[in-house]
PDB file of all heavy atoms in Angstrom:
ATOM      1  N   ASP A   1     -39.526 -11.130 -30.694  1.00  0.00           N
ATOM      2  CA  ASP A   1     -39.329  -9.867 -31.411  1.00  0.00           C
ATOM      3  C   ASP A   1     -39.349 -10.177 -32.906  1.00  0.00           C
ATOM      4  O   ASP A   1     -38.426 -10.779 -33.430  1.00  0.00           O
ATOM      5  CB  ASP A   1     -37.981  -9.273 -31.014  1.00  0.00           C
ATOM      6  CG  ASP A   1     -37.726  -7.913 -31.628  1.00  0.00           C
ATOM      7  OD1 ASP A   1     -38.342  -7.601 -32.666  1.00  0.00           O
ATOM      8  OD2 ASP A   1     -36.911  -7.162 -31.076  1.00  0.00           O
ATOM      9  N   HIS A   2     -40.414  -9.768 -33.617  1.00  0.00           N
ATOM     10  CA  HIS A   2     -40.480 -10.146 -35.031  1.00  0.00           C
ATOM     11  C   HIS A   2     -39.696  -9.205 -35.942  1.00  0.00           C
ATOM     12  O   HIS A   2     -39.749  -9.323 -37.150  1.00  0.00           O
ATOM     13  CB  HIS A   2     -41.932 -10.311 -35.493  1.00  0.00           C
ATOM     14  CG  HIS A   2     -42.670  -9.028 -35.692  1.00  0.00           C
ATOM     15  ND1 HIS A   2     -42.559  -7.975 -34.834  1.00  0.00           N
ATOM     16  CD2 HIS A   2     -43.534  -8.640 -36.662  1.00  0.00           C
ATOM     17  CE1 HIS A   2     -43.323  -6.979 -35.276  1.00  0.00           C
ATOM     18  NE2 HIS A   2     -43.917  -7.359 -36.375  1.00  0.00           N
ATOM     19  N   THR A   3     -38.909  -8.284 -35.357  1.00  0.00           N
ATOM     20  CA  THR A   3     -38.022  -7.458 -36.191  1.00  0.00           C
ATOM     21  C   THR A   3     -36.620  -8.064 -36.255  1.00  0.00           C
ATOM     22  O   THR A   3     -35.816  -7.673 -37.075  1.00  0.00           O
ATOM     23  CB  THR A   3     -37.892  -6.023 -35.644  1.00  0.00           C
ATOM     24  OG1 THR A   3     -37.175  -6.053 -34.399  1.00  0.00           O
ATOM     25  CG2 THR A   3     -39.241  -5.383 -35.411  1.00  0.00           C
ATOM     26  N   ILE A   4     -36.336  -8.995 -35.344  1.00  0.00           N
ATOM     27  CA  ILE A   4     -35.003  -9.599 -35.297  1.00  0.00           C
ATOM     28  C   ILE A   4     -35.173 -11.113 -35.249  1.00  0.00           C
ATOM     29  O   ILE A   4     -35.703 -11.655 -34.287  1.00  0.00           O
ATOM     30  CB  ILE A   4     -34.219  -9.113 -34.055  1.00  0.00           C
ATOM     31  CG1 ILE A   4     -34.059  -7.590 -34.083  1.00  0.00           C
ATOM     32  CG2 ILE A   4     -32.848  -9.789 -33.985  1.00  0.00           C
ATOM     33  CD1 ILE A   4     -33.717  -6.958 -32.764  1.00  0.00           C
ATOM     34  N   SER A   5     -34.720 -11.796 -36.301  1.00  0.00           N
ATOM     35  CA  SER A   5     -34.924 -13.241 -36.368  1.00  0.00           C
ATOM     36  C   SER A   5     -33.860 -13.974 -35.554  1.00  0.00           C
ATOM     37  O   SER A   5     -32.763 -13.459 -35.318  1.00  0.00           O
ATOM     38  CB  SER A   5     -34.874 -13.717 -37.816  1.00  0.00           C
ATOM     39  OG  SER A   5     -33.535 -13.662 -38.281  1.00  0.00           O
ATOM     40  N   TYR A   6     -34.207 -15.193 -35.180  1.00  0.00           N
ATOM     41  CA  TYR A   6     -33.275 -16.032 -34.431  1.00  0.00           C
ATOM     42  C   TYR A   6     -31.992 -16.269 -35.234  1.00  0.00           C
ATOM     43  O   TYR A   6     -30.897 -16.314 -34.676  1.00  0.00           O
ATOM     44  CB  TYR A   6     -33.946 -17.364 -34.072  1.00  0.00           C
ATOM     45  CG  TYR A   6     -33.038 -18.232 -33.241  1.00  0.00           C
ATOM     46  CD1 TYR A   6     -32.810 -17.935 -31.902  1.00  0.00           C
ATOM     47  CD2 TYR A   6     -32.351 -19.314 -33.815  1.00  0.00           C
ATOM     48  CE1 TYR A   6     -31.933 -18.698 -31.151  1.00  0.00           C
ATOM     49  CE2 TYR A   6     -31.477 -20.076 -33.072  1.00  0.00           C
ATOM     50  CZ  TYR A   6     -31.272 -19.767 -31.733  1.00  0.00           C
ATOM     51  OH  TYR A   6     -30.389 -20.516 -30.980  1.00  0.00           O
ATOM     52  N   ASP A   7     -32.126 -16.397 -36.557  1.00  0.00           N
ATOM     53  CA  ASP A   7     -30.953 -16.606 -37.429  1.00  0.00           C
ATOM     54  C   ASP A   7     -29.965 -15.452 -37.325  1.00  0.00           C
ATOM     55  O   ASP A   7     -28.755 -15.659 -37.361  1.00  0.00           O
ATOM     56  CB  ASP A   7     -31.387 -16.727 -38.901  1.00  0.00           C
ATOM     57  CG  ASP A   7     -32.234 -17.965 -39.149  1.00  0.00           C
ATOM     58  OD1 ASP A   7     -32.340 -18.796 -38.219  1.00  0.00           O
ATOM     59  OD2 ASP A   7     -32.797 -18.098 -40.250  1.00  0.00           O
ATOM     60  N   GLN A   8     -30.513 -14.235 -37.244  1.00  0.00           N
ATOM     61  CA  GLN A   8     -29.638 -13.056 -37.128  1.00  0.00           C
ATOM     62  C   GLN A   8     -28.854 -13.088 -35.828  1.00  0.00           C
ATOM     63  O   GLN A   8     -27.676 -12.762 -35.799  1.00  0.00           O
ATOM     64  CB  GLN A   8     -30.476 -11.776 -37.171  1.00  0.00           C
ATOM     65  CG  GLN A   8     -30.963 -11.394 -38.543  1.00  0.00           C
ATOM     66  CD  GLN A   8     -31.832 -10.143 -38.454  1.00  0.00           C
ATOM     67  OE1 GLN A   8     -32.880 -10.139 -37.815  1.00  0.00           O
ATOM     68  NE2 GLN A   8     -31.385  -9.079 -39.062  1.00  0.00           N
ATOM     69  N   ILE A   9     -29.544 -13.493 -34.760  1.00  0.00           N
ATOM     70  CA  ILE A   9     -28.895 -13.552 -33.441  1.00  0.00           C
ATOM     71  C   ILE A   9     -27.817 -14.638 -33.442  1.00  0.00           C
ATOM     72  O   ILE A   9     -26.709 -14.436 -32.942  1.00  0.00           O
ATOM     73  CB  ILE A   9     -29.938 -13.791 -32.321  1.00  0.00           C
ATOM     74  CG1 ILE A   9     -30.940 -12.620 -32.271  1.00  0.00           C
ATOM     75  CG2 ILE A   9     -29.242 -13.960 -30.966  1.00  0.00           C
ATOM     76  CD1 ILE A   9     -32.166 -12.858 -31.394  1.00  0.00           C
ATOM     77  N   ALA A  10     -28.135 -15.780 -34.045  1.00  0.00           N
ATOM     78  CA  ALA A  10     -27.169 -16.895 -34.135  1.00  0.00           C
ATOM     79  C   ALA A  10     -25.932 -16.471 -34.920  1.00  0.00           C
ATOM     80  O   ALA A  10     -24.798 -16.783 -34.542  1.00  0.00           O
ATOM     81  CB  ALA A  10     -27.831 -18.104 -34.782  1.00  0.00           C
ATOM     82  N   LEU A  11     -26.158 -15.730 -36.009  1.00  0.00           N
ATOM     83  CA  LEU A  11     -25.033 -15.254 -36.818  1.00  0.00           C
ATOM     84  C   LEU A  11     -24.190 -14.238 -36.043  1.00  0.00           C
ATOM     85  O   LEU A  11     -22.955 -14.279 -36.096  1.00  0.00           O
ATOM     86  CB  LEU A  11     -25.533 -14.639 -38.129  1.00  0.00           C
ATOM     87  CG  LEU A  11     -24.437 -14.247 -39.121  1.00  0.00           C
ATOM     88  CD1 LEU A  11     -23.678 -15.472 -39.644  1.00  0.00           C
ATOM     89  CD2 LEU A  11     -25.010 -13.472 -40.297  1.00  0.00           C
ATOM     90  N   LEU A  12     -24.850 -13.346 -35.308  1.00  0.00           N
ATOM     91  CA  LEU A  12     -24.133 -12.374 -34.470  1.00  0.00           C
ATOM     92  C   LEU A  12     -23.216 -13.116 -33.497  1.00  0.00           C
ATOM     93  O   LEU A  12     -22.032 -12.777 -33.366  1.00  0.00           O
ATOM     94  CB  LEU A  12     -25.138 -11.502 -33.701  1.00  0.00           C
ATOM     95  CG  LEU A  12     -24.556 -10.500 -32.694  1.00  0.00           C
ATOM     96  CD1 LEU A  12     -23.777  -9.388 -33.400  1.00  0.00           C
ATOM     97  CD2 LEU A  12     -25.644  -9.892 -31.821  1.00  0.00           C
ATOM     98  N   GLU A  13     -23.745 -14.143 -32.871  1.00  0.00           N
ATOM     99  CA  GLU A  13     -22.971 -14.940 -31.912  1.00  0.00           C
ATOM    100  C   GLU A  13     -21.756 -15.595 -32.577  1.00  0.00           C
ATOM    101  O   GLU A  13     -20.636 -15.537 -32.064  1.00  0.00           O
ATOM    102  CB  GLU A  13     -23.880 -16.011 -31.310  1.00  0.00           C
ATOM    103  CG  GLU A  13     -23.255 -16.730 -30.131  1.00  0.00           C
ATOM    104  CD  GLU A  13     -24.224 -16.922 -28.970  1.00  0.00           C
ATOM    105  OE1 GLU A  13     -25.430 -17.132 -29.210  1.00  0.00           O
ATOM    106  OE2 GLU A  13     -23.755 -16.860 -27.819  1.00  0.00           O
ATOM    107  N   GLU A  14     -21.995 -16.170 -33.736  1.00  0.00           N
ATOM    108  CA  GLU A  14     -20.929 -16.856 -34.485  1.00  0.00           C
ATOM    109  C   GLU A  14     -19.816 -15.871 -34.868  1.00  0.00           C
ATOM    110  O   GLU A  14     -18.624 -16.159 -34.716  1.00  0.00           O
ATOM    111  CB  GLU A  14     -21.585 -17.448 -35.738  1.00  0.00           C
ATOM    112  CG  GLU A  14     -20.714 -18.302 -36.607  1.00  0.00           C
ATOM    113  CD  GLU A  14     -21.426 -18.609 -37.935  1.00  0.00           C
ATOM    114  OE1 GLU A  14     -22.612 -19.032 -37.895  1.00  0.00           O
ATOM    115  OE2 GLU A  14     -20.815 -18.376 -38.990  1.00  0.00           O
ATOM    116  N   LYS A  15     -20.216 -14.691 -35.365  1.00  0.00           N
ATOM    117  CA  LYS A  15     -19.244 -13.692 -35.809  1.00  0.00           C
ATOM    118  C   LYS A  15     -18.479 -13.078 -34.633  1.00  0.00           C
ATOM    119  O   LYS A  15     -17.285 -12.793 -34.742  1.00  0.00           O
ATOM    120  CB  LYS A  15     -19.947 -12.566 -36.579  1.00  0.00           C
ATOM    121  CG  LYS A  15     -20.572 -13.037 -37.882  1.00  0.00           C
ATOM    122  CD  LYS A  15     -19.530 -13.276 -38.939  1.00  0.00           C
ATOM    123  CE  LYS A  15     -20.158 -13.475 -40.297  1.00  0.00           C
ATOM    124  NZ  LYS A  15     -19.148 -13.814 -41.308  1.00  0.00           N
ATOM    125  N   LEU A  16     -19.177 -12.856 -33.515  1.00  0.00           N
ATOM    126  CA  LEU A  16     -18.486 -12.303 -32.345  1.00  0.00           C
ATOM    127  C   LEU A  16     -17.427 -13.288 -31.855  1.00  0.00           C
ATOM    128  O   LEU A  16     -16.322 -12.901 -31.494  1.00  0.00           O
ATOM    129  CB  LEU A  16     -19.483 -11.968 -31.230  1.00  0.00           C
ATOM    130  CG  LEU A  16     -20.351 -10.726 -31.469  1.00  0.00           C
ATOM    131  CD1 LEU A  16     -21.416 -10.605 -30.387  1.00  0.00           C
ATOM    132  CD2 LEU A  16     -19.528  -9.446 -31.532  1.00  0.00           C
ATOM    133  N   LYS A  17     -17.772 -14.564 -31.860  1.00  0.00           N
ATOM    134  CA  LYS A  17     -16.826 -15.615 -31.464  1.00  0.00           C
ATOM    135  C   LYS A  17     -15.563 -15.532 -32.321  1.00  0.00           C
ATOM    136  O   LYS A  17     -14.448 -15.700 -31.848  1.00  0.00           O
ATOM    137  CB  LYS A  17     -17.488 -16.985 -31.646  1.00  0.00           C
ATOM    138  CG  LYS A  17     -17.264 -17.920 -30.483  1.00  0.00           C
ATOM    139  CD  LYS A  17     -18.115 -19.175 -30.609  1.00  0.00           C
ATOM    140  CE  LYS A  17     -19.143 -19.252 -29.489  1.00  0.00           C
ATOM    141  NZ  LYS A  17     -20.239 -20.171 -29.763  1.00  0.00           N
ATOM    142  N   GLN A  18     -15.782 -15.234 -33.600  1.00  0.00           N
ATOM    143  CA  GLN A  18     -14.689 -15.195 -34.570  1.00  0.00           C
ATOM    144  C   GLN A  18     -13.838 -13.921 -34.449  1.00  0.00           C
ATOM    145  O   GLN A  18     -12.618 -13.996 -34.517  1.00  0.00           O
ATOM    146  CB  GLN A  18     -15.325 -15.254 -35.965  1.00  0.00           C
ATOM    147  CG  GLN A  18     -14.402 -15.658 -37.081  1.00  0.00           C
ATOM    148  CD  GLN A  18     -15.155 -15.700 -38.418  1.00  0.00           C
ATOM    149  OE1 GLN A  18     -16.390 -15.830 -38.455  1.00  0.00           O
ATOM    150  NE2 GLN A  18     -14.439 -15.577 -39.504  1.00  0.00           N
ATOM    151  N   TYR A  19     -14.474 -12.765 -34.275  1.00  0.00           N
ATOM    152  CA  TYR A  19     -13.762 -11.486 -34.393  1.00  0.00           C
ATOM    153  C   TYR A  19     -13.571 -10.702 -33.099  1.00  0.00           C
ATOM    154  O   TYR A  19     -12.705  -9.850 -33.029  1.00  0.00           O
ATOM    155  CB  TYR A  19     -14.498 -10.556 -35.368  1.00  0.00           C
ATOM    156  CG  TYR A  19     -14.488 -11.045 -36.792  1.00  0.00           C
ATOM    157  CD1 TYR A  19     -15.602 -11.660 -37.351  1.00  0.00           C
ATOM    158  CD2 TYR A  19     -13.355 -10.875 -37.593  1.00  0.00           C
ATOM    159  CE1 TYR A  19     -15.601 -12.100 -38.662  1.00  0.00           C
ATOM    160  CE2 TYR A  19     -13.343 -11.320 -38.904  1.00  0.00           C
ATOM    161  CZ  TYR A  19     -14.462 -11.936 -39.439  1.00  0.00           C
ATOM    162  OH  TYR A  19     -14.452 -12.373 -40.732  1.00  0.00           O
ATOM    163  N   CYS A  20     -14.404 -10.946 -32.108  1.00  0.00           N
ATOM    164  CA  CYS A  20     -14.428 -10.060 -30.944  1.00  0.00           C
ATOM    165  C   CYS A  20     -13.344 -10.438 -29.945  1.00  0.00           C
ATOM    166  O   CYS A  20     -13.231 -11.591 -29.545  1.00  0.00           O
ATOM    167  CB  CYS A  20     -15.808 -10.116 -30.292  1.00  0.00           C
ATOM    168  SG  CYS A  20     -15.984  -8.879 -29.018  1.00  0.00           S
ATOM    169  N   LYS A  21     -12.545  -9.429 -29.532  1.00  0.00           N
ATOM    170  CA  LYS A  21     -11.419  -9.697 -28.622  1.00  0.00           C
ATOM    171  C   LYS A  21     -11.719  -9.263 -27.189  1.00  0.00           C
ATOM    172  O   LYS A  21     -10.871  -9.364 -26.312  1.00  0.00           O
ATOM    173  CB  LYS A  21     -10.171  -8.976 -29.146  1.00  0.00           C
ATOM    174  CG  LYS A  21      -9.753  -9.427 -30.533  1.00  0.00           C
ATOM    175  CD  LYS A  21      -8.623  -8.539 -31.085  1.00  0.00           C
ATOM    176  CE  LYS A  21      -8.312  -8.829 -32.540  1.00  0.00           C
ATOM    177  NZ  LYS A  21      -9.379  -8.351 -33.461  1.00  0.00           N
ATOM    178  N   VAL A  22     -12.900  -8.738 -26.957  1.00  0.00           N
ATOM    179  CA  VAL A  22     -13.262  -8.279 -25.611  1.00  0.00           C
ATOM    180  C   VAL A  22     -14.455  -9.097 -25.100  1.00  0.00           C
ATOM    181  O   VAL A  22     -15.029  -9.892 -25.844  1.00  0.00           O
ATOM    182  CB  VAL A  22     -13.608  -6.763 -25.603  1.00  0.00           C
ATOM    183  CG1 VAL A  22     -12.390  -5.923 -25.975  1.00  0.00           C
ATOM    184  CG2 VAL A  22     -14.785  -6.465 -26.531  1.00  0.00           C
ATOM    185  N   ALA A  23     -14.832  -8.873 -23.849  1.00  0.00           N
ATOM    186  CA  ALA A  23     -15.978  -9.602 -23.279  1.00  0.00           C
ATOM    187  C   ALA A  23     -17.265  -9.198 -23.993  1.00  0.00           C
ATOM    188  O   ALA A  23     -17.466  -8.024 -24.301  1.00  0.00           O
ATOM    189  CB  ALA A  23     -16.089  -9.282 -21.787  1.00  0.00           C
ATOM    190  N   TYR A  24     -18.102 -10.182 -24.280  1.00  0.00           N
ATOM    191  CA  TYR A  24     -19.418  -9.883 -24.849  1.00  0.00           C
ATOM    192  C   TYR A  24     -20.391 -10.922 -24.335  1.00  0.00           C
ATOM    193  O   TYR A  24     -20.000 -11.975 -23.821  1.00  0.00           O
ATOM    194  CB  TYR A  24     -19.387  -9.888 -26.385  1.00  0.00           C
ATOM    195  CG  TYR A  24     -19.097 -11.243 -26.986  1.00  0.00           C
ATOM    196  CD1 TYR A  24     -20.120 -12.162 -27.210  1.00  0.00           C
ATOM    197  CD2 TYR A  24     -17.793 -11.614 -27.298  1.00  0.00           C
ATOM    198  CE1 TYR A  24     -19.848 -13.419 -27.739  1.00  0.00           C
ATOM    199  CE2 TYR A  24     -17.511 -12.870 -27.818  1.00  0.00           C
ATOM    200  CZ  TYR A  24     -18.546 -13.763 -28.037  1.00  0.00           C
ATOM    201  OH  TYR A  24     -18.280 -15.005 -28.531  1.00  0.00           O
ATOM    202  N   LYS A  25     -21.658 -10.609 -24.473  1.00  0.00           N
ATOM    203  CA  LYS A  25     -22.695 -11.537 -24.021  1.00  0.00           C
ATOM    204  C   LYS A  25     -23.919 -11.316 -24.890  1.00  0.00           C
ATOM    205  O   LYS A  25     -24.216 -10.183 -25.288  1.00  0.00           O
ATOM    206  CB  LYS A  25     -23.009 -11.235 -22.555  1.00  0.00           C
ATOM    207  CG  LYS A  25     -23.996 -12.173 -21.891  1.00  0.00           C
ATOM    208  CD  LYS A  25     -24.087 -11.800 -20.408  1.00  0.00           C
ATOM    209  CE  LYS A  25     -25.260 -12.472 -19.728  1.00  0.00           C
ATOM    210  NZ  LYS A  25     -25.373 -12.061 -18.322  1.00  0.00           N
ATOM    211  N   ILE A  26     -24.621 -12.405 -25.187  1.00  0.00           N
ATOM    212  CA  ILE A  26     -25.888 -12.325 -25.916  1.00  0.00           C
ATOM    213  C   ILE A  26     -26.908 -13.087 -25.083  1.00  0.00           C
ATOM    214  O   ILE A  26     -26.621 -14.198 -24.630  1.00  0.00           O
ATOM    215  CB  ILE A  26     -25.780 -12.978 -27.319  1.00  0.00           C
ATOM    216  CG1 ILE A  26     -24.820 -12.181 -28.203  1.00  0.00           C
ATOM    217  CG2 ILE A  26     -27.163 -13.065 -27.980  1.00  0.00           C
ATOM    218  CD1 ILE A  26     -24.526 -12.834 -29.537  1.00  0.00           C
ATOM    219  N   LYS A  27     -28.060 -12.495 -24.865  1.00  0.00           N
ATOM    220  CA  LYS A  27     -29.093 -13.196 -24.094  1.00  0.00           C
ATOM    221  C   LYS A  27     -30.462 -12.932 -24.712  1.00  0.00           C
ATOM    222  O   LYS A  27     -30.762 -11.797 -25.080  1.00  0.00           O
ATOM    223  CB  LYS A  27     -29.048 -12.754 -22.632  1.00  0.00           C
ATOM    224  CG  LYS A  27     -29.925 -13.608 -21.723  1.00  0.00           C
ATOM    225  CD  LYS A  27     -29.570 -13.388 -20.256  1.00  0.00           C
ATOM    226  CE  LYS A  27     -30.613 -14.012 -19.343  1.00  0.00           C
ATOM    227  NZ  LYS A  27     -30.320 -13.816 -17.920  1.00  0.00           N
ATOM    228  N   VAL A  28     -31.239 -13.993 -24.844  1.00  0.00           N
ATOM    229  CA  VAL A  28     -32.585 -13.899 -25.409  1.00  0.00           C
ATOM    230  C   VAL A  28     -33.588 -14.231 -24.302  1.00  0.00           C
ATOM    231  O   VAL A  28     -33.467 -15.258 -23.645  1.00  0.00           O
ATOM    232  CB  VAL A  28     -32.751 -14.884 -26.599  1.00  0.00           C
ATOM    233  CG1 VAL A  28     -34.146 -14.763 -27.203  1.00  0.00           C
ATOM    234  CG2 VAL A  28     -31.685 -14.623 -27.671  1.00  0.00           C
ATOM    235  N   TYR A  29     -34.557 -13.339 -24.108  1.00  0.00           N
ATOM    236  CA  TYR A  29     -35.515 -13.498 -23.008  1.00  0.00           C
ATOM    237  C   TYR A  29     -36.814 -14.126 -23.519  1.00  0.00           C
ATOM    238  O   TYR A  29     -37.435 -13.593 -24.442  1.00  0.00           O
ATOM    239  CB  TYR A  29     -35.769 -12.140 -22.338  1.00  0.00           C
ATOM    240  CG  TYR A  29     -34.497 -11.624 -21.695  1.00  0.00           C
ATOM    241  CD1 TYR A  29     -33.494 -11.052 -22.482  1.00  0.00           C
ATOM    242  CD2 TYR A  29     -34.267 -11.778 -20.339  1.00  0.00           C
ATOM    243  CE1 TYR A  29     -32.292 -10.625 -21.915  1.00  0.00           C
ATOM    244  CE2 TYR A  29     -33.071 -11.354 -19.766  1.00  0.00           C
ATOM    245  CZ  TYR A  29     -32.086 -10.786 -20.552  1.00  0.00           C
ATOM    246  OH  TYR A  29     -30.896 -10.381 -19.994  1.00  0.00           O
ATOM    247  N   PRO A  30     -37.213 -15.239 -22.928  1.00  0.00           N
ATOM    248  CA  PRO A  30     -38.378 -16.012 -23.413  1.00  0.00           C
ATOM    249  C   PRO A  30     -39.661 -15.183 -23.512  1.00  0.00           C
ATOM    250  O   PRO A  30     -39.977 -14.405 -22.610  1.00  0.00           O
ATOM    251  CB  PRO A  30     -38.538 -17.117 -22.365  1.00  0.00           C
ATOM    252  CG  PRO A  30     -37.210 -17.241 -21.715  1.00  0.00           C
ATOM    253  CD  PRO A  30     -36.610 -15.876 -21.741  1.00  0.00           C
ATOM    254  N   GLY A  31     -40.348 -15.362 -24.635  1.00  0.00           N
ATOM    255  CA  GLY A  31     -41.689 -14.791 -24.812  1.00  0.00           C
ATOM    256  C   GLY A  31     -41.765 -13.286 -24.959  1.00  0.00           C
ATOM    257  O   GLY A  31     -42.863 -12.726 -25.019  1.00  0.00           O
ATOM    258  N   GLN A  32     -40.609 -12.596 -25.037  1.00  0.00           N
ATOM    259  CA  GLN A  32     -40.640 -11.134 -25.004  1.00  0.00           C
ATOM    260  C   GLN A  32     -40.628 -10.509 -26.401  1.00  0.00           C
ATOM    261  O   GLN A  32     -39.903 -10.955 -27.277  1.00  0.00           O
ATOM    262  CB  GLN A  32     -39.472 -10.604 -24.176  1.00  0.00           C
ATOM    263  CG  GLN A  32     -39.507 -11.064 -22.722  1.00  0.00           C
ATOM    264  CD  GLN A  32     -40.861 -10.829 -22.086  1.00  0.00           C
ATOM    265  OE1 GLN A  32     -41.302  -9.694 -21.938  1.00  0.00           O
ATOM    266  NE2 GLN A  32     -41.559 -11.908 -21.741  1.00  0.00           N
ATOM    267  N   VAL A  33     -41.444  -9.469 -26.567  1.00  0.00           N
ATOM    268  CA  VAL A  33     -41.533  -8.767 -27.851  1.00  0.00           C
ATOM    269  C   VAL A  33     -40.585  -7.571 -27.862  1.00  0.00           C
ATOM    270  O   VAL A  33     -39.977  -7.228 -26.846  1.00  0.00           O
ATOM    271  CB  VAL A  33     -42.981  -8.287 -28.148  1.00  0.00           C
ATOM    272  CG1 VAL A  33     -43.934  -9.474 -28.259  1.00  0.00           C
ATOM    273  CG2 VAL A  33     -43.477  -7.281 -27.111  1.00  0.00           C
ATOM    274  N   HIS A  34     -40.480  -6.926 -29.008  1.00  0.00           N
ATOM    275  CA  HIS A  34     -39.653  -5.739 -29.173  1.00  0.00           C
ATOM    276  C   HIS A  34     -40.056  -4.677 -28.155  1.00  0.00           C
ATOM    277  O   HIS A  34     -41.234  -4.418 -27.951  1.00  0.00           O
ATOM    278  CB  HIS A  34     -39.855  -5.201 -30.599  1.00  0.00           C
ATOM    279  CG  HIS A  34     -38.790  -4.246 -31.005  1.00  0.00           C
ATOM    280  ND1 HIS A  34     -37.589  -4.673 -31.523  1.00  0.00           N
ATOM    281  CD2 HIS A  34     -38.727  -2.898 -30.953  1.00  0.00           C
ATOM    282  CE1 HIS A  34     -36.842  -3.610 -31.790  1.00  0.00           C
ATOM    283  NE2 HIS A  34     -37.509  -2.530 -31.443  1.00  0.00           N
ATOM    284  N   GLY A  35     -39.078  -4.070 -27.519  1.00  0.00           N
ATOM    285  CA  GLY A  35     -39.373  -2.983 -26.586  1.00  0.00           C
ATOM    286  C   GLY A  35     -39.728  -3.419 -25.182  1.00  0.00           C
ATOM    287  O   GLY A  35     -40.091  -2.587 -24.348  1.00  0.00           O
ATOM    288  N   PHE A  36     -39.589  -4.718 -24.886  1.00  0.00           N
ATOM    289  CA  PHE A  36     -40.104  -5.230 -23.607  1.00  0.00           C
ATOM    290  C   PHE A  36     -39.427  -4.639 -22.375  1.00  0.00           C
ATOM    291  O   PHE A  36     -40.066  -4.442 -21.346  1.00  0.00           O
ATOM    292  CB  PHE A  36     -40.020  -6.767 -23.580  1.00  0.00           C
ATOM    293  CG  PHE A  36     -38.634  -7.330 -23.319  1.00  0.00           C
ATOM    294  CD1 PHE A  36     -38.268  -7.727 -22.045  1.00  0.00           C
ATOM    295  CD2 PHE A  36     -37.716  -7.483 -24.359  1.00  0.00           C
ATOM    296  CE1 PHE A  36     -37.007  -8.267 -21.797  1.00  0.00           C
ATOM    297  CE2 PHE A  36     -36.452  -8.014 -24.126  1.00  0.00           C
ATOM    298  CZ  PHE A  36     -36.096  -8.405 -22.837  1.00  0.00           C
ATOM    299  N   ALA A  37     -38.141  -4.307 -22.474  1.00  0.00           N
ATOM    300  CA  ALA A  37     -37.388  -3.962 -21.262  1.00  0.00           C
ATOM    301  C   ALA A  37     -37.618  -2.539 -20.759  1.00  0.00           C
ATOM    302  O   ALA A  37     -37.123  -2.164 -19.703  1.00  0.00           O
ATOM    303  CB  ALA A  37     -35.899  -4.204 -21.493  1.00  0.00           C
TER     304      ALA A  37
END
C-alpha cells in the first residue's frame, strides 16, 4: 500500500504498546495494495 509506509505502521505499533490499555492487533498482508480486502 503506497499510501501507508512501513515506518508509519511501526510507529503505530510502538505507540499502541506505550498507550493502549485494551486488546489491539496490527497485521500486514504480503503483496497487497490499498483496498485489497
